[in-house]
Amino acid sequence: MDSSSKQQKMNDDIDRLSSLPEGLIHKILSFIGTKRVVQTSALSSRWKYTWTSMPYLDFSSKDFDKLPIFSKFVNHVLSGRNNEAEVSSLKLEFRGKVSQVFVKRLVNYAVSHNVQQMTVTCLFENEFEFPLSLFNSRSVKHLSLKTKYDGSRRMWRFGDAVYINPTSSFELPALTTLHLDNVTFSDVNTEKDIGIFSKCANLKNITLKNFKTMCSNGFTICHPQLSNLTLDYVDSNAKVINVVAPQLENLTIMKWSDCLYVVSTPNLRSLVCKGWRSLKLNTDGFQLLEKADICISNPHICHVDSIVYLLEQLHTVKSLKLNLEVIELLSSSVELILHQPSPFVNLKNVSIYPVKVEKHELPKKKVTISTEVKNYLLDGCTGANITMVSREEIIATKNTTRARELMTDLWLCLEEEEEEANIETNEDQIDREKAPIENANATPYVDGDPQLEEPNQPQIGERIENSWKDLIVQINQKNDKALNIIYKLKNIEGLLAELPPLNRATVKPYFSSLCAEVDVFMKNMTNDMKIQCDENQSRSSVCLHELATTLQPS
C-alpha cells in the first residue's frame, strides 16, 4: 500500500469516528480520565472542542507530579468548559483535605450543573473532618465518598483518620445510593429521627465499608425507606449497633467486630452474614425471611451456644446456606442440640459448602455430619432437603480448572513454536536459493595464496568455530524450550493424578491429544537438530579439506 492509500485510509477512519453521534463519543471518552480527554483536542479540528461539552468529569491528582499543577488543570478545564453543558457524573481523586479551594470549586460546579453521580476519593495525609455540607445537592442520586491513606507521603501514625460527625447531615433529597468507604464516625446520635441520613428522603441503598465508630454508647442506622444495607468490616467501639429500617429487604454484614447488632427489620427477605466469629444478633423476628447465608470461617473460636442462638433467630427462613465448618462444630457438640426441637418451621432446603479447602487449613480430624445435626436442621419441616458440596469436590473442580488452563497455555506455546519453526524454515529456504547467486559473484579463492582471499572473509578455522558456536546456541535455546514444555506437561500430569476418576475422564482426551502434539514437537526438534548437526559437520569437513589443501607444499 503506497503512502497516498495509507493516508486515505487514515482519513476514512478519522471520518468514521468523527461522524459518530456526540453522545456516543462522550460515552467512549468517559472510560479515560479528563486529562486524556483534553489531549484529544490535538487530533483534529473536529476534536478541538469535544472536551468542553463532556458530561463526564474524571480528575485524578495521580496524573500530575504536584498538587498545584493538578489544581491549575482543574481550574483550566472548568474555565474552558461549555457552561451550558450539564454534568452527569463527577469522579475526583485527590491528595489532601476536602477544604482545598479547587475541590470546593469543582464540587460546587458539578452541583450547579445538575450532577447525578459523584465519586470522591481522598488520599489523606493527616486526620480531618469530612464537611458533609459540601455535597448538598438536589440532583445527586448516587454518592460515593472514599478515603485512602497516602502512604507515599510520610509514615502512618496510629489515630490518623477521616471523620464524619453524625450531628451533621447530607441534604440530598434525590439520593438513592450512598457508599462510604474507610471513614470514622467521630460522634454518634442515638436518636432515631436525626443523623446523617435524615435529609435523604429517597435513600434506598447504603454501603458502609471499613468504617469505625468512636463512641461506646451505640451507633444507629435509621431510615424509613431503606431497602438494601451492607456493613462491611465494622471496627467499632460501640457495644451496640442498631439497625431500624421497616422497609429493609436485604441486609449484608461482613467481618463484624465483637458488638451486638440489634436489628428491627420486619420486612427483611435476605440476610447474609460472613465473618470470623459468630454474629451477636438480636431481632424482633424475621417474619418474611426467605434466604439466609451464614458463614463463620473460624467457628472453633466461638461458643457453640452462640451459633445455636444465631440459628434460632432465623426460624422463618426458607432457604439456608451454612458453611461446612459450622456443621462440623455442631456435630462435635451434639449435646447442645440433642434434646432441642428444630427451630425452623418453613425450611425448604439447606445448602452446605466448605470455606477452607487448602491443605494447611483443613481440620486435623475429619468430622462427618451427624444424624443429630441433620435432625436439628430438618425435623421441623416436611419435605425439606439438604445438599452438600464436599471439600474433595471443591478441590477437584479447582484442579480441573487449573489443569485446563495449563493445557491451553501449553497448546498456545506449541503453536508459537510451530509458527516460529515455519518462519525459520522459510528463511532458510530463501538463504539457500540466494546462496548460489552470492557465491557466483564472489571472488574466486586460489589455493595457497591467502592474499587473494576476500578482505573481510573469516579464516577457515574461525569459520569452523563460528559454525559450531551458532549451533550450540541454537541447541541451548531449543533445550530451554523443550524443558519448559516438559515442565508444564509434568505440572498438568500431577494435577490430573490428584483428580477423582470422573473429573479425570472429562479432560483425558484433551490431555492425550496434547501429549501427542508434544511428541510431534519433540521429534521435529530432534530431527532439526540432527539435520543442523549433519549440515555443520559437512561444512566443517569442507573447511578442513580446504585447510589441508591450503597447507600442502606447492
Protein backbone atom coordinates (compact mmCIF):
# COMPACT_ATOMS: atom_id res chain seq x y z
CA MET A 1 0.00 0.00 0.00
CA ASP A 2 1.53 3.34 -1.07
CA SER A 3 1.62 6.42 1.17
CA SER A 4 -1.37 8.10 -0.51
CA SER A 5 -3.54 4.99 0.06
CA LYS A 6 -2.45 4.83 3.69
CA GLN A 7 -3.30 8.50 4.17
CA GLN A 8 -6.71 7.99 2.55
CA LYS A 9 -7.41 5.02 4.85
CA MET A 10 -6.41 7.08 7.91
CA ASN A 11 -8.69 9.90 6.79
CA ASP A 12 -11.57 7.45 6.30
CA ASP A 13 -11.01 6.04 9.81
CA ILE A 14 -10.99 9.53 11.32
CA ASP A 15 -14.12 10.46 9.41
CA ARG A 16 -15.98 7.35 10.60
CA LEU A 17 -15.07 8.03 14.21
CA SER A 18 -15.82 11.72 13.96
CA SER A 19 -19.20 11.06 12.37
CA LEU A 20 -20.47 9.20 15.46
CA PRO A 21 -23.18 10.95 17.48
CA GLU A 22 -21.74 13.29 20.09
CA GLY A 23 -23.42 11.40 22.92
CA LEU A 24 -21.70 8.15 21.85
CA ILE A 25 -18.32 9.90 21.54
CA HIS A 26 -18.80 11.27 25.06
CA LYS A 27 -19.63 7.78 26.34
CA ILE A 28 -16.49 6.32 24.74
CA LEU A 29 -14.35 9.09 26.21
CA SER A 30 -15.87 8.55 29.66
CA PHE A 31 -13.63 5.49 30.08
CA ILE A 32 -10.49 7.65 30.15
CA GLY A 33 -9.57 10.47 32.51
CA THR A 34 -10.33 14.11 31.76
CA LYS A 35 -6.62 14.84 31.23
CA ARG A 36 -6.53 12.47 28.25
CA VAL A 37 -9.91 13.70 27.01
CA VAL A 38 -8.49 17.23 26.84
CA GLN A 39 -5.46 15.89 24.94
CA THR A 40 -7.76 14.62 22.15
CA SER A 41 -8.20 18.25 21.12
CA ALA A 42 -4.89 17.89 19.25
CA LEU A 43 -6.24 15.13 16.97
CA SER A 44 -8.12 17.35 14.52
CA SER A 45 -10.31 20.41 14.27
CA ARG A 46 -13.34 18.15 14.83
CA TRP A 47 -12.00 17.16 18.25
CA LYS A 48 -10.70 20.56 19.30
CA TYR A 49 -13.67 21.43 21.49
CA THR A 50 -15.17 17.99 22.19
CA TRP A 51 -13.88 18.02 25.76
CA THR A 52 -15.69 21.29 26.53
CA SER A 53 -19.12 19.60 26.45
CA MET A 54 -18.17 16.29 28.14
CA PRO A 55 -20.87 15.41 30.73
CA TYR A 56 -18.43 13.02 32.44
CA LEU A 57 -15.65 14.64 34.50
CA ASP A 58 -12.88 12.42 35.86
CA PHE A 59 -9.94 14.09 37.65
CA SER A 60 -7.07 12.40 39.50
CA SER A 61 -4.10 14.10 41.12
CA LYS A 62 -2.09 10.92 40.38
CA ASP A 63 -1.87 12.13 36.77
CA PHE A 64 0.20 15.12 37.89
CA ASP A 65 3.56 15.48 39.60
CA LYS A 66 2.47 18.20 42.01
CA LEU A 67 -0.86 19.17 43.54
CA PRO A 68 -0.67 22.86 42.42
CA ILE A 69 -0.32 21.69 38.79
CA PHE A 70 -3.36 19.45 39.26
CA SER A 71 -5.32 22.31 40.81
CA LYS A 72 -4.38 24.60 37.90
CA PHE A 73 -5.54 21.95 35.41
CA VAL A 74 -8.92 21.56 37.16
CA ASN A 75 -9.45 25.33 37.07
CA HIS A 76 -8.44 25.41 33.39
CA VAL A 77 -11.00 22.74 32.48
CA LEU A 78 -13.80 24.45 34.39
CA SER A 79 -12.98 27.81 32.84
CA GLY A 80 -12.84 26.44 29.30
CA ARG A 81 -15.86 24.19 29.55
CA ASN A 82 -19.16 24.96 27.81
CA ASN A 83 -21.16 26.40 30.67
CA GLU A 84 -24.45 25.29 29.10
CA ALA A 85 -23.48 21.59 29.16
CA GLU A 86 -24.68 19.64 32.18
CA VAL A 87 -22.50 17.32 34.25
CA SER A 88 -23.97 13.83 34.67
CA SER A 89 -21.09 12.36 36.72
CA LEU A 90 -18.03 13.57 38.60
CA LYS A 91 -15.09 11.42 39.68
CA LEU A 92 -12.44 13.11 41.77
CA GLU A 93 -9.37 11.59 43.38
CA PHE A 94 -7.02 13.97 45.11
CA ARG A 95 -4.44 14.30 47.87
CA GLY A 96 -5.06 16.44 50.91
CA LYS A 97 -8.12 17.94 52.58
CA VAL A 98 -11.59 18.43 51.17
CA SER A 99 -11.44 22.07 52.22
CA GLN A 100 -9.00 22.96 49.42
CA VAL A 101 -10.28 25.74 47.17
CA PHE A 102 -10.14 23.81 43.90
CA VAL A 103 -12.04 20.87 45.45
CA LYS A 104 -14.83 23.16 46.61
CA ARG A 105 -14.97 24.89 43.24
CA LEU A 106 -15.16 21.59 41.34
CA VAL A 107 -17.86 20.07 43.55
CA ASN A 108 -19.88 23.30 43.53
CA TYR A 109 -19.55 23.48 39.74
CA ALA A 110 -20.81 19.91 39.33
CA VAL A 111 -23.70 20.53 41.74
CA SER A 112 -24.68 23.71 39.89
CA HIS A 113 -24.76 21.71 36.63
CA ASN A 114 -27.17 19.08 37.96
CA VAL A 115 -24.66 16.28 38.58
CA GLN A 116 -26.37 12.95 39.32
CA GLN A 117 -23.44 10.76 40.30
CA MET A 118 -20.40 11.74 42.38
CA THR A 119 -17.44 9.64 43.44
CA VAL A 120 -14.89 11.45 45.60
CA THR A 121 -11.74 9.69 46.80
CA CYS A 122 -9.42 11.49 49.18
CA LEU A 123 -5.79 10.40 49.68
CA PHE A 124 -5.35 11.79 53.17
CA GLU A 125 -2.12 12.62 54.97
CA ASN A 126 -3.50 13.85 58.29
CA GLU A 127 -6.77 13.43 60.11
CA PHE A 128 -9.57 15.83 59.19
CA GLU A 129 -13.34 16.02 59.15
CA PHE A 130 -15.40 15.44 56.01
CA PRO A 131 -17.66 18.52 55.57
CA LEU A 132 -20.92 16.85 54.53
CA SER A 133 -22.49 20.18 53.60
CA LEU A 134 -20.08 20.40 50.64
CA PHE A 135 -22.00 17.63 48.87
CA ASN A 136 -25.50 19.00 49.39
CA SER A 137 -27.43 18.85 46.13
CA ARG A 138 -30.97 18.45 44.81
CA SER A 139 -29.84 16.40 41.79
CA VAL A 140 -27.33 13.84 43.13
CA LYS A 141 -28.71 10.29 43.08
CA HIS A 142 -25.52 8.29 43.69
CA LEU A 143 -22.80 9.44 46.07
CA SER A 144 -19.60 7.59 46.96
CA LEU A 145 -17.10 9.02 49.46
CA LYS A 146 -13.86 7.10 49.89
CA THR A 147 -10.65 7.79 51.73
CA LYS A 148 -7.29 6.11 51.29
CA TYR A 149 -4.19 6.68 53.35
CA ASP A 150 -1.45 8.18 51.18
CA GLY A 151 1.43 6.04 52.41
CA SER A 152 3.84 7.57 49.90
CA ARG A 153 3.85 10.91 51.73
CA ARG A 154 5.01 10.02 55.23
CA MET A 155 4.91 7.35 57.93
CA TRP A 156 1.46 6.34 59.10
CA ARG A 157 0.59 7.26 62.67
CA PHE A 158 -1.91 5.48 64.86
CA GLY A 159 -5.07 7.55 65.12
CA ASP A 160 -4.91 9.07 61.64
CA ALA A 161 -8.39 9.06 60.19
CA VAL A 162 -11.01 10.92 58.19
CA TYR A 163 -14.02 11.74 60.34
CA ILE A 164 -17.70 12.19 59.74
CA ASN A 165 -19.70 13.78 62.52
CA PRO A 166 -23.24 12.34 62.53
CA THR A 167 -24.54 15.51 64.18
CA SER A 168 -24.26 16.99 60.68
CA SER A 169 -26.16 15.56 57.73
CA PHE A 170 -26.37 15.33 53.97
CA GLU A 171 -29.05 17.40 52.29
CA LEU A 172 -29.60 15.17 49.28
CA PRO A 173 -33.33 14.76 48.65
CA ALA A 174 -32.81 12.85 45.35
CA LEU A 175 -30.13 10.49 46.74
CA THR A 176 -30.93 6.78 46.31
CA THR A 177 -27.48 5.18 46.78
CA LEU A 178 -24.79 6.09 49.32
CA HIS A 179 -21.38 4.41 49.64
CA LEU A 180 -18.97 5.40 52.43
CA ASP A 181 -15.57 3.71 52.48
CA ASN A 182 -12.91 3.98 55.20
CA VAL A 183 -14.37 6.77 57.29
CA THR A 184 -14.71 7.15 61.05
CA PHE A 185 -17.83 8.38 62.81
CA SER A 186 -16.43 10.66 65.48
CA ASP A 187 -19.65 11.14 67.44
CA VAL A 188 -22.91 9.25 67.48
CA ASN A 189 -26.56 10.16 67.74
CA THR A 190 -28.74 7.58 69.40
CA GLU A 191 -31.91 9.41 68.42
CA LYS A 192 -33.76 7.62 65.63
CA ASP A 193 -35.14 10.72 63.94
CA ILE A 194 -31.85 12.57 63.31
CA GLY A 195 -28.47 11.79 61.81
CA ILE A 196 -26.57 11.93 58.54
CA PHE A 197 -29.34 10.16 56.56
CA SER A 198 -32.30 12.14 57.91
CA LYS A 199 -32.45 14.60 54.97
CA CYS A 200 -32.15 11.93 52.27
CA ALA A 201 -35.83 11.09 51.82
CA ASN A 202 -35.37 8.73 48.84
CA LEU A 203 -32.37 6.80 50.13
CA LYS A 204 -32.71 3.11 49.22
CA ASN A 205 -29.18 1.68 49.33
CA ILE A 206 -26.42 2.20 51.90
CA THR A 207 -22.95 0.60 51.93
CA LEU A 208 -20.64 1.31 54.86
CA LYS A 209 -17.25 -0.30 54.23
CA ASN A 210 -14.22 -0.28 56.51
CA PHE A 211 -15.93 2.12 58.86
CA LYS A 212 -15.25 2.87 62.51
CA THR A 213 -17.26 4.35 65.34
CA MET A 214 -15.57 6.14 68.21
CA CYS A 215 -18.41 6.38 70.73
CA SER A 216 -19.16 3.48 73.05
CA ASN A 217 -22.81 4.38 73.61
CA GLY A 218 -24.07 2.91 70.38
CA PHE A 219 -24.46 3.58 66.68
CA THR A 220 -27.83 3.79 64.92
CA ILE A 221 -28.66 3.42 61.24
CA CYS A 222 -32.22 4.54 60.76
CA HIS A 223 -34.20 5.27 57.62
CA PRO A 224 -37.87 4.62 56.75
CA GLN A 225 -37.29 3.93 53.00
CA LEU A 226 -34.08 1.91 53.13
CA SER A 227 -34.18 -1.31 51.05
CA ASN A 228 -30.58 -2.55 50.98
CA LEU A 229 -27.91 -2.22 53.66
CA THR A 230 -24.33 -3.54 53.58
CA LEU A 231 -22.00 -3.26 56.57
CA ASP A 232 -18.57 -4.47 55.50
CA TYR A 233 -15.85 -4.64 58.16
CA VAL A 234 -17.04 -2.74 61.20
CA ASP A 235 -14.34 -1.70 63.66
CA SER A 236 -16.48 -0.35 66.45
CA ASN A 237 -16.00 0.89 69.98
CA ALA A 238 -19.77 0.83 70.26
CA LYS A 239 -21.26 -2.01 72.25
CA VAL A 240 -24.43 -1.91 70.17
CA ILE A 241 -25.18 -1.19 66.53
CA ASN A 242 -28.86 -0.51 65.91
CA VAL A 243 -30.50 -1.00 62.52
CA VAL A 244 -34.01 0.44 62.33
CA ALA A 245 -35.40 0.13 58.82
CA PRO A 246 -39.02 -1.02 58.41
CA GLN A 247 -38.72 -1.40 54.60
CA LEU A 248 -35.33 -3.13 54.56
CA GLU A 249 -35.33 -6.26 52.38
CA ASN A 250 -31.64 -7.16 52.06
CA LEU A 251 -29.09 -6.99 54.89
CA THR A 252 -25.42 -7.97 54.49
CA ILE A 253 -22.98 -7.95 57.41
CA MET A 254 -19.34 -8.80 56.70
CA LYS A 255 -16.34 -9.11 59.02
CA TRP A 256 -18.01 -7.67 62.11
CA SER A 257 -16.48 -6.60 65.40
CA ASP A 258 -17.43 -8.03 68.78
CA CYS A 259 -20.58 -6.00 69.36
CA LEU A 260 -24.32 -6.64 69.49
CA TYR A 261 -26.42 -6.00 66.38
CA VAL A 262 -29.98 -5.05 67.29
CA VAL A 263 -31.99 -5.30 64.09
CA SER A 264 -35.56 -4.10 63.66
CA THR A 265 -36.42 -5.01 60.05
CA PRO A 266 -39.83 -6.74 59.86
CA ASN A 267 -39.78 -6.94 56.05
CA LEU A 268 -36.35 -8.50 55.69
CA ARG A 269 -36.17 -11.08 52.88
CA SER A 270 -32.46 -11.84 52.62
CA LEU A 271 -29.71 -11.99 55.26
CA VAL A 272 -26.01 -12.57 54.53
CA CYS A 273 -23.54 -12.83 57.42
CA LYS A 274 -19.89 -13.70 56.72
CA GLY A 275 -17.12 -13.29 59.26
CA TRP A 276 -14.58 -14.96 61.53
CA ARG A 277 -16.76 -15.42 64.58
CA SER A 278 -20.42 -15.89 65.43
CA LEU A 279 -22.56 -12.79 64.98
CA LYS A 280 -24.29 -11.43 68.08
CA LEU A 281 -27.72 -10.78 66.66
CA ASN A 282 -30.89 -9.67 68.41
CA THR A 283 -34.08 -9.21 66.39
CA ASP A 284 -37.79 -8.72 66.88
CA GLY A 285 -38.42 -11.56 64.44
CA PHE A 286 -37.82 -12.06 60.72
CA GLN A 287 -41.35 -13.00 59.75
CA LEU A 288 -40.75 -12.77 55.97
CA LEU A 289 -37.18 -14.11 55.75
CA GLU A 290 -36.67 -16.24 52.64
CA LYS A 291 -32.91 -16.62 52.26
CA ALA A 292 -30.02 -16.66 54.73
CA ASP A 293 -26.32 -17.29 54.07
CA ILE A 294 -24.37 -17.76 57.30
CA CYS A 295 -20.61 -18.26 57.02
CA ILE A 296 -18.41 -18.39 60.12
CA SER A 297 -14.94 -19.23 58.87
CA ASN A 298 -13.39 -19.87 62.31
CA PRO A 299 -16.25 -21.29 64.38
CA HIS A 300 -13.87 -23.10 66.74
CA ILE A 301 -13.07 -19.75 68.42
CA CYS A 302 -16.77 -19.26 69.24
CA HIS A 303 -19.00 -20.75 71.89
CA VAL A 304 -21.19 -23.31 70.19
CA ASP A 305 -24.26 -22.00 72.01
CA SER A 306 -23.77 -18.59 70.30
CA ILE A 307 -24.08 -20.30 66.92
CA VAL A 308 -27.18 -22.17 68.07
CA TYR A 309 -28.70 -18.88 69.27
CA LEU A 310 -27.92 -17.24 65.91
CA LEU A 311 -29.68 -20.05 64.03
CA GLU A 312 -32.70 -19.68 66.27
CA GLN A 313 -33.06 -16.07 65.08
CA LEU A 314 -33.64 -17.42 61.56
CA HIS A 315 -36.58 -19.68 62.41
CA THR A 316 -38.77 -18.48 59.48
CA VAL A 317 -36.11 -18.87 56.74
CA LYS A 318 -36.97 -20.95 53.68
CA SER A 319 -33.53 -21.39 52.08
CA LEU A 320 -30.48 -21.67 54.33
CA LYS A 321 -26.78 -21.76 53.39
CA LEU A 322 -24.21 -22.79 56.00
CA ASN A 323 -20.50 -23.38 55.72
CA LEU A 324 -19.26 -26.88 56.43
CA GLU A 325 -17.03 -25.76 59.31
CA VAL A 326 -20.11 -24.70 61.32
CA ILE A 327 -21.76 -28.05 60.68
CA GLU A 328 -18.62 -29.88 61.80
CA LEU A 329 -18.51 -27.86 65.02
CA LEU A 330 -22.17 -28.65 65.74
CA SER A 331 -21.54 -32.33 65.01
CA SER A 332 -18.75 -32.38 67.58
CA SER A 333 -21.01 -30.78 70.22
CA VAL A 334 -24.34 -32.55 69.69
CA GLU A 335 -25.18 -32.44 73.39
CA LEU A 336 -26.31 -28.81 72.95
CA ILE A 337 -28.94 -29.68 70.35
CA LEU A 338 -29.69 -33.30 71.23
CA HIS A 339 -32.95 -32.60 73.08
CA GLN A 340 -33.88 -29.36 71.32
CA PRO A 341 -36.55 -29.23 68.62
CA SER A 342 -35.62 -27.84 65.21
CA PRO A 343 -36.06 -24.04 65.23
CA PHE A 344 -37.01 -23.96 61.55
CA VAL A 345 -40.68 -24.02 60.57
CA ASN A 346 -40.59 -23.00 56.87
CA LEU A 347 -37.31 -24.52 55.73
CA LYS A 348 -37.32 -25.99 52.21
CA ASN A 349 -33.63 -26.63 51.57
CA VAL A 350 -30.24 -26.42 53.27
CA SER A 351 -27.03 -25.95 51.29
CA ILE A 352 -23.70 -26.76 52.93
CA TYR A 353 -20.38 -25.69 51.43
CA PRO A 354 -16.77 -25.61 52.70
CA VAL A 355 -14.81 -22.41 53.18
CA LYS A 356 -11.41 -23.91 53.91
CA VAL A 357 -10.07 -26.28 51.25
CA GLU A 358 -6.32 -25.66 51.35
CA LYS A 359 -4.27 -28.42 52.97
CA HIS A 360 -2.87 -26.19 55.72
CA GLU A 361 -6.41 -25.04 56.62
CA LEU A 362 -8.06 -28.44 56.91
CA PRO A 363 -9.01 -29.76 60.36
CA LYS A 364 -6.69 -32.33 61.87
CA LYS A 365 -9.54 -34.74 62.31
CA LYS A 366 -12.28 -35.15 59.73
CA VAL A 367 -15.75 -34.79 61.22
CA THR A 368 -18.83 -36.04 59.38
CA ILE A 369 -22.30 -34.53 59.64
CA SER A 370 -24.01 -36.28 62.50
CA THR A 371 -27.57 -37.58 62.41
CA GLU A 372 -28.39 -35.27 65.33
CA VAL A 373 -27.40 -32.17 63.31
CA LYS A 374 -29.44 -33.33 60.32
CA ASN A 375 -32.44 -33.83 62.57
CA TYR A 376 -31.92 -30.45 64.20
CA LEU A 377 -31.96 -28.73 60.82
CA LEU A 378 -34.73 -30.65 59.08
CA ASP A 379 -37.10 -32.21 61.62
CA GLY A 380 -39.32 -29.15 61.87
CA CYS A 381 -40.17 -29.15 58.16
CA THR A 382 -41.79 -31.79 56.00
CA GLY A 383 -40.12 -32.32 52.63
CA ALA A 384 -37.03 -30.25 53.40
CA ASN A 385 -33.81 -31.49 51.82
CA ILE A 386 -30.11 -30.99 52.39
CA THR A 387 -27.37 -30.71 49.77
CA MET A 388 -23.67 -30.56 50.46
CA VAL A 389 -20.57 -29.72 48.46
CA SER A 390 -17.57 -31.56 49.91
CA ARG A 391 -14.03 -30.26 50.12
CA GLU A 392 -12.98 -33.01 47.74
CA GLU A 393 -15.41 -31.69 45.11
CA ILE A 394 -14.15 -28.14 45.53
CA ILE A 395 -10.52 -29.26 45.26
CA ALA A 396 -11.32 -31.43 42.22
CA THR A 397 -13.07 -28.53 40.50
CA LYS A 398 -10.18 -26.16 41.21
CA ASN A 399 -7.59 -28.68 40.00
CA THR A 400 -9.62 -29.47 36.88
CA THR A 401 -9.89 -25.77 36.06
CA ARG A 402 -6.18 -25.26 36.69
CA ALA A 403 -5.28 -28.28 34.53
CA ARG A 404 -7.41 -26.93 31.67
CA GLU A 405 -5.73 -23.53 31.96
CA LEU A 406 -2.25 -25.12 31.86
CA MET A 407 -3.19 -27.29 28.88
CA THR A 408 -4.50 -24.27 27.00
CA ASP A 409 -1.28 -22.42 27.81
CA LEU A 410 0.79 -25.35 26.56
CA TRP A 411 -1.23 -25.55 23.32
CA LEU A 412 -0.54 -21.87 22.69
CA CYS A 413 3.14 -22.42 23.42
CA LEU A 414 3.31 -25.28 20.90
CA GLU A 415 1.52 -23.19 18.27
CA GLU A 416 4.00 -20.36 18.75
CA GLU A 417 6.90 -22.79 18.39
CA GLU A 418 5.36 -24.21 15.22
CA GLU A 419 4.91 -20.75 13.70
CA GLU A 420 8.47 -19.83 14.62
CA ALA A 421 9.76 -23.07 13.06
CA ASN A 422 7.83 -22.34 9.83
CA ILE A 423 9.33 -18.84 9.66
CA GLU A 424 12.84 -20.20 10.19
CA THR A 425 12.26 -22.86 7.52
CA ASN A 426 11.14 -20.24 5.01
CA GLU A 427 14.11 -18.04 5.82
CA ASP A 428 16.49 -20.99 5.39
CA GLN A 429 14.89 -21.76 2.04
CA ILE A 430 15.38 -18.17 0.90
CA ASP A 431 19.01 -18.26 2.05
CA ARG A 432 19.62 -21.48 0.09
CA GLU A 433 18.04 -20.00 -3.03
CA LYS A 434 20.14 -16.86 -2.75
CA ALA A 435 23.37 -18.71 -1.92
CA PRO A 436 24.34 -19.80 -5.50
CA ILE A 437 23.94 -16.24 -6.77
CA GLU A 438 26.05 -14.83 -3.99
CA ASN A 439 28.74 -17.49 -4.50
CA ALA A 440 28.75 -16.88 -8.23
CA ASN A 441 29.56 -13.22 -7.68
CA ALA A 442 32.20 -13.91 -5.05
CA THR A 443 35.91 -13.51 -5.76
CA PRO A 444 37.39 -16.94 -6.58
CA TYR A 445 39.70 -18.43 -4.00
CA VAL A 446 43.14 -19.53 -5.11
CA ASP A 447 44.76 -22.35 -3.14
CA GLY A 448 47.87 -21.43 -1.22
CA ASP A 449 47.54 -17.67 -1.76
CA PRO A 450 45.89 -16.00 1.22
CA GLN A 451 46.44 -12.60 -0.39
CA LEU A 452 43.69 -13.38 -2.90
CA GLU A 453 41.04 -14.05 -0.20
CA GLU A 454 38.20 -11.57 0.36
CA PRO A 455 39.46 -8.84 2.74
CA ASN A 456 36.56 -9.45 5.20
CA GLN A 457 36.38 -13.21 4.67
CA PRO A 458 36.98 -15.05 8.00
CA GLN A 459 39.78 -17.55 8.16
CA ILE A 460 38.88 -21.22 7.79
CA GLY A 461 39.45 -22.05 11.47
CA GLU A 462 37.28 -19.10 12.51
CA ARG A 463 34.53 -20.25 10.13
CA ILE A 464 34.56 -23.72 11.71
CA GLU A 465 34.39 -22.22 15.21
CA ASN A 466 31.53 -19.84 14.35
CA SER A 467 29.59 -22.60 12.65
CA TRP A 468 29.59 -24.85 15.71
CA LYS A 469 29.16 -21.90 18.11
CA ASP A 470 25.90 -20.89 16.38
CA LEU A 471 24.68 -24.46 16.54
CA ILE A 472 25.47 -24.74 20.26
CA VAL A 473 23.45 -21.55 20.91
CA GLN A 474 20.52 -22.96 18.94
CA ILE A 475 20.70 -26.27 20.80
CA ASN A 476 20.67 -24.46 24.16
CA GLN A 477 17.68 -22.37 23.10
CA LYS A 478 15.78 -25.42 21.93
CA ASN A 479 16.69 -27.28 25.13
CA ASP A 480 15.26 -24.40 27.20
CA LYS A 481 12.03 -24.50 25.20
CA ALA A 482 11.85 -28.28 25.46
CA LEU A 483 12.45 -28.20 29.20
CA ASN A 484 9.75 -25.55 29.61
CA ILE A 485 7.26 -27.69 27.68
CA ILE A 486 8.16 -30.81 29.67
CA TYR A 487 7.85 -28.86 32.94
CA LYS A 488 4.34 -27.69 32.02
CA LEU A 489 3.38 -31.22 30.98
CA LYS A 490 4.57 -32.61 34.33
CA ASN A 491 2.53 -30.00 36.23
CA ILE A 492 -0.59 -30.97 34.29
CA GLU A 493 0.10 -34.65 34.90
CA GLY A 494 0.48 -34.00 38.64
CA LEU A 495 -2.86 -32.18 38.80
CA LEU A 496 -4.63 -34.92 36.84
CA ALA A 497 -3.19 -37.60 39.12
CA GLU A 498 -4.97 -35.99 42.10
CA LEU A 499 -8.34 -35.79 40.36
CA PRO A 500 -11.14 -38.27 41.03
CA PRO A 501 -11.72 -40.69 38.11
CA LEU A 502 -14.84 -38.85 36.93
CA ASN A 503 -13.09 -35.46 36.70
CA ARG A 504 -10.02 -37.06 35.13
CA ALA A 505 -12.17 -38.69 32.44
CA THR A 506 -13.52 -35.29 31.30
CA VAL A 507 -10.06 -33.94 30.44
CA LYS A 508 -8.23 -37.15 29.49
CA PRO A 509 -8.97 -36.92 25.71
CA TYR A 510 -7.70 -33.35 25.64
CA PHE A 511 -4.59 -34.34 27.58
CA SER A 512 -3.94 -37.31 25.26
CA SER A 513 -4.10 -35.05 22.20
CA LEU A 514 -1.76 -32.63 23.91
CA CYS A 515 0.76 -35.39 24.66
CA ALA A 516 0.66 -36.47 21.01
CA GLU A 517 1.30 -32.88 19.92
CA VAL A 518 4.22 -32.57 22.34
CA ASP A 519 5.61 -35.84 20.96
CA VAL A 520 5.47 -34.46 17.40
CA PHE A 521 7.16 -31.26 18.56
CA MET A 522 9.99 -33.16 20.28
CA LYS A 523 10.56 -35.38 17.23
CA ASN A 524 10.64 -32.40 14.90
CA MET A 525 13.02 -30.58 17.18
CA THR A 526 15.31 -33.62 17.34
CA ASN A 527 15.23 -34.03 13.56
CA ASP A 528 16.01 -30.33 13.06
CA MET A 529 18.94 -30.58 15.43
CA LYS A 530 20.19 -33.70 13.64
CA ILE A 531 19.90 -32.01 10.25
CA GLN A 532 21.76 -28.95 11.54
CA CYS A 533 24.45 -31.15 13.05
CA ASP A 534 24.84 -33.00 9.75
CA GLU A 535 24.99 -29.70 7.82
CA ASN A 536 27.55 -28.27 10.23
CA GLN A 537 29.57 -31.48 10.06
CA SER A 538 29.51 -31.23 6.25
CA ARG A 539 30.63 -27.59 6.32
CA SER A 540 33.37 -28.44 8.79
CA SER A 541 34.60 -31.25 6.54
CA VAL A 542 34.74 -28.87 3.56
CA CYS A 543 36.57 -26.27 5.62
CA LEU A 544 39.02 -28.86 6.95
CA HIS A 545 39.61 -30.12 3.42
CA GLU A 546 40.26 -26.56 2.28
CA LEU A 547 42.61 -26.07 5.21
CA ALA A 548 44.51 -29.26 4.43
CA THR A 549 44.78 -28.27 0.76
CA THR A 550 45.94 -24.79 1.68
CA LEU A 551 48.72 -26.10 3.88
CA GLN A 552 50.07 -28.53 1.24
CA PRO A 553 53.51 -27.56 -0.09
CA SER A 554 53.34 -26.03 -3.57
